[in-house]
Protein backbone atom coordinates (compact mmCIF):
# COMPACT_ATOMS: atom_id res chain seq x y z
CA MET A 1 71.61 59.18 107.65
CA ASP A 2 70.59 62.95 108.52
CA GLU A 3 70.36 65.84 105.74
CA PRO A 4 71.99 68.73 106.10
CA THR A 5 70.30 71.53 107.19
CA VAL A 6 70.04 74.72 105.18
CA ASP A 7 69.23 78.50 106.98
CA ARG A 8 66.85 79.59 104.59
CA ARG A 9 67.22 82.83 106.36
CA ARG A 10 70.82 83.26 105.62
CA ALA A 11 71.76 84.77 101.73
CA SER A 12 73.42 82.21 99.53
CA GLU A 13 76.25 82.74 97.77
CA MET A 14 74.11 84.14 94.51
CA ASP A 15 71.54 85.73 96.67
CA MET A 16 75.06 87.61 97.53
CA VAL A 17 75.93 88.04 93.87
CA VAL A 18 72.34 89.91 92.89
CA ALA A 19 72.27 91.90 95.89
CA ASP A 20 76.08 93.19 94.44
CA ASN A 21 74.87 93.54 91.14
CA ILE A 22 71.79 95.63 92.08
CA ARG A 23 73.88 98.06 94.53
CA ARG A 24 76.60 98.49 91.44
CA ARG A 25 73.71 99.00 89.03
CA ARG A 26 72.15 101.92 91.38
CA VAL A 27 75.60 103.38 92.45
CA SER A 28 76.68 103.42 88.50
CA LEU A 29 73.60 105.51 87.81
CA GLY A 30 74.96 107.83 90.64
CA LEU A 31 71.52 107.37 93.06
CA SER A 32 71.95 107.00 96.81
CA LEU A 33 69.72 104.40 98.33
CA LYS A 34 66.86 107.02 99.31
CA ASP A 35 66.19 108.64 95.70
CA ALA A 36 66.34 105.05 94.06
CA ALA A 37 63.99 103.92 97.13
CA ASN A 38 61.57 106.76 96.18
CA LEU A 39 61.45 106.19 92.36
CA LEU A 40 60.92 102.40 93.04
CA GLY A 41 57.92 102.68 95.55
CA ILE A 42 60.01 101.12 98.06
CA ALA A 43 61.40 102.14 101.69
CA TYR A 44 65.19 102.97 101.58
CA GLN A 45 66.08 100.89 104.54
CA GLN A 46 64.23 97.93 102.42
CA LEU A 47 66.54 98.48 99.36
CA GLN A 48 69.46 98.62 101.57
CA LYS A 49 68.95 95.21 103.10
CA ILE A 50 68.67 93.88 99.61
CA GLU A 51 71.63 95.42 98.61
CA VAL A 52 73.65 93.70 101.72
CA GLY A 53 71.62 90.57 101.18
CA LYS A 54 70.10 90.46 104.25
CA ASN A 55 66.56 90.19 102.60
CA ARG A 56 66.23 88.25 99.60
CA ILE A 57 64.54 89.14 96.70
CA ASN A 58 61.00 87.34 94.91
CA ALA A 59 60.35 87.24 91.04
CA ALA A 60 58.08 90.54 91.10
CA ARG A 61 60.92 92.73 92.93
CA LEU A 62 63.30 91.66 90.38
CA ARG A 63 61.53 92.00 87.33
CA GLN A 64 60.68 95.64 88.74
CA LEU A 65 64.41 96.13 89.00
CA SER A 66 65.42 95.10 86.13
CA VAL A 67 62.85 97.49 84.23
CA PHE A 68 64.30 100.16 86.20
CA PHE A 69 68.02 99.79 85.57
CA GLY A 70 67.19 98.96 82.00
CA CYS A 71 68.78 95.47 82.02
CA SER A 72 67.91 92.13 82.04
CA ILE A 73 67.13 89.61 85.12
CA ASP A 74 70.34 87.45 83.87
CA ASP A 75 72.53 90.39 84.34
CA PHE A 76 72.29 90.41 88.33
CA TYR A 77 73.27 87.08 88.03
CA VAL A 78 76.56 87.72 86.77
CA ASP A 79 79.25 87.17 89.20
CA ARG A 80 81.57 90.08 88.80
CA HIS A 81 83.98 89.24 91.33
CA HIS A 82 85.78 87.03 88.92
CA GLU A 83 86.09 90.03 86.43
CA PRO A 84 89.27 91.75 85.85
CA ALA A 85 90.03 94.62 87.74
CA GLY A 86 88.90 98.14 86.83
CA ASP A 87 85.03 98.25 87.51
CA PRO A 88 84.11 101.91 86.83
CA THR A 89 81.67 100.91 89.96
CA SER A 90 83.96 99.84 92.50
CA ARG A 91 84.49 102.32 95.39
CA ARG A 92 87.77 103.25 94.61
CA HIS A 93 86.48 104.83 90.98
CA LEU A 94 83.76 106.25 92.62
CA ASN A 95 85.61 108.11 95.49
CA LEU A 96 87.55 109.44 92.56
CA LEU A 97 84.87 110.26 90.56
CA ARG A 98 83.21 112.49 93.25
CA GLN A 99 86.51 114.04 93.97
CA PHE A 100 87.10 115.14 90.31
CA GLU A 101 83.29 116.52 90.39
CA ALA A 102 84.09 118.25 94.06
CA THR A 103 86.44 120.30 92.10
CA PRO A 104 84.90 123.54 91.30
CA ASP A 105 87.71 125.04 88.91
CA ASP A 106 88.06 123.64 85.34
CA GLN A 107 91.77 124.84 85.22
CA ASP A 108 92.25 122.35 87.93
CA ARG A 109 90.17 119.56 86.56
CA ALA A 110 92.57 119.93 83.50
CA VAL A 111 95.63 119.52 85.35
CA LEU A 112 93.94 116.51 87.39
CA ALA A 113 92.97 115.12 84.21
CA ALA A 114 96.32 115.40 82.71
CA VAL A 115 98.13 114.32 85.81
CA CYS A 116 95.47 110.96 85.62
CA LYS A 117 96.71 110.27 81.78
CA LEU A 118 100.64 110.90 82.81
CA LEU A 119 100.63 108.42 85.07
CA ALA A 120 98.72 106.01 83.30
CA GLU A 121 100.62 106.25 80.19
CA ALA A 122 103.88 105.96 82.46
CA SER A 123 102.29 102.93 84.44
CA VAL A 124 101.94 101.23 80.94
CA ALA A 125 105.78 102.19 79.74
CA ARG A 126 106.86 100.67 82.87
CA LYS A 127 104.88 97.27 82.13
CA LYS A 128 105.87 97.29 79.09
CA ALA A 129 110.00 97.95 80.11
CA LEU A 130 109.15 95.11 82.56
CA GLU A 131 108.44 92.85 79.86
CA MET A 132 110.95 93.29 77.89
CA THR A 133 113.49 92.96 80.30
CA ALA A 134 112.34 89.71 80.78
CA GLN A 135 112.16 88.54 77.55
CA PRO A 136 115.71 89.02 76.39
CA ASP A 137 117.11 85.71 78.36
CA SER A 138 114.54 83.69 76.34
CA PHE A 139 114.88 85.38 73.16
CA ILE A 140 118.69 85.06 73.61
CA ASN A 141 118.17 80.95 74.59
CA ASP A 142 115.55 80.38 71.60
CA LYS A 143 118.34 82.35 68.90
CA VAL A 144 121.34 80.17 70.88
CA SER A 145 119.37 76.74 70.46
CA SER A 146 118.03 77.27 66.78
CA LYS A 147 121.79 78.44 65.72
CA ALA A 148 123.13 75.48 67.35
CA GLU A 149 120.78 73.17 66.15
CA GLY A 150 121.03 74.81 62.30
CA ALA A 151 124.81 74.35 63.20
CA GLN A 152 124.22 70.33 63.16
């Protein structure tokens, strides 16, 4: 029986998890590829290939990155695709932050922050209202059932 062949040149799923976590760490520090590569003493193209999973990473480089980012090596192996939404290192969050930082006027920033707060509060209130409208039926059914059982 033939053994399945493994393409050692292709990144495994775990290689991609490590690569994604390296990118997330760099982005969360606000570092560009070039800046991070310079600080690490490697070419930015090499770091880019590591972050997209094109270059596999050896143990020594992984250790260097863990020291650089101030985390444990284990942190690179956490699959963040199965974490809840709201990751502050997502592109959406970072783009929002960049736009906020690009707003030069402090009053405009205050207005933006207030609008975001109001939208978040409205979203939470809307979610609660939807939950409450879904609950009355079960609440009423439970009350009716318990009264019917008590009457017997």
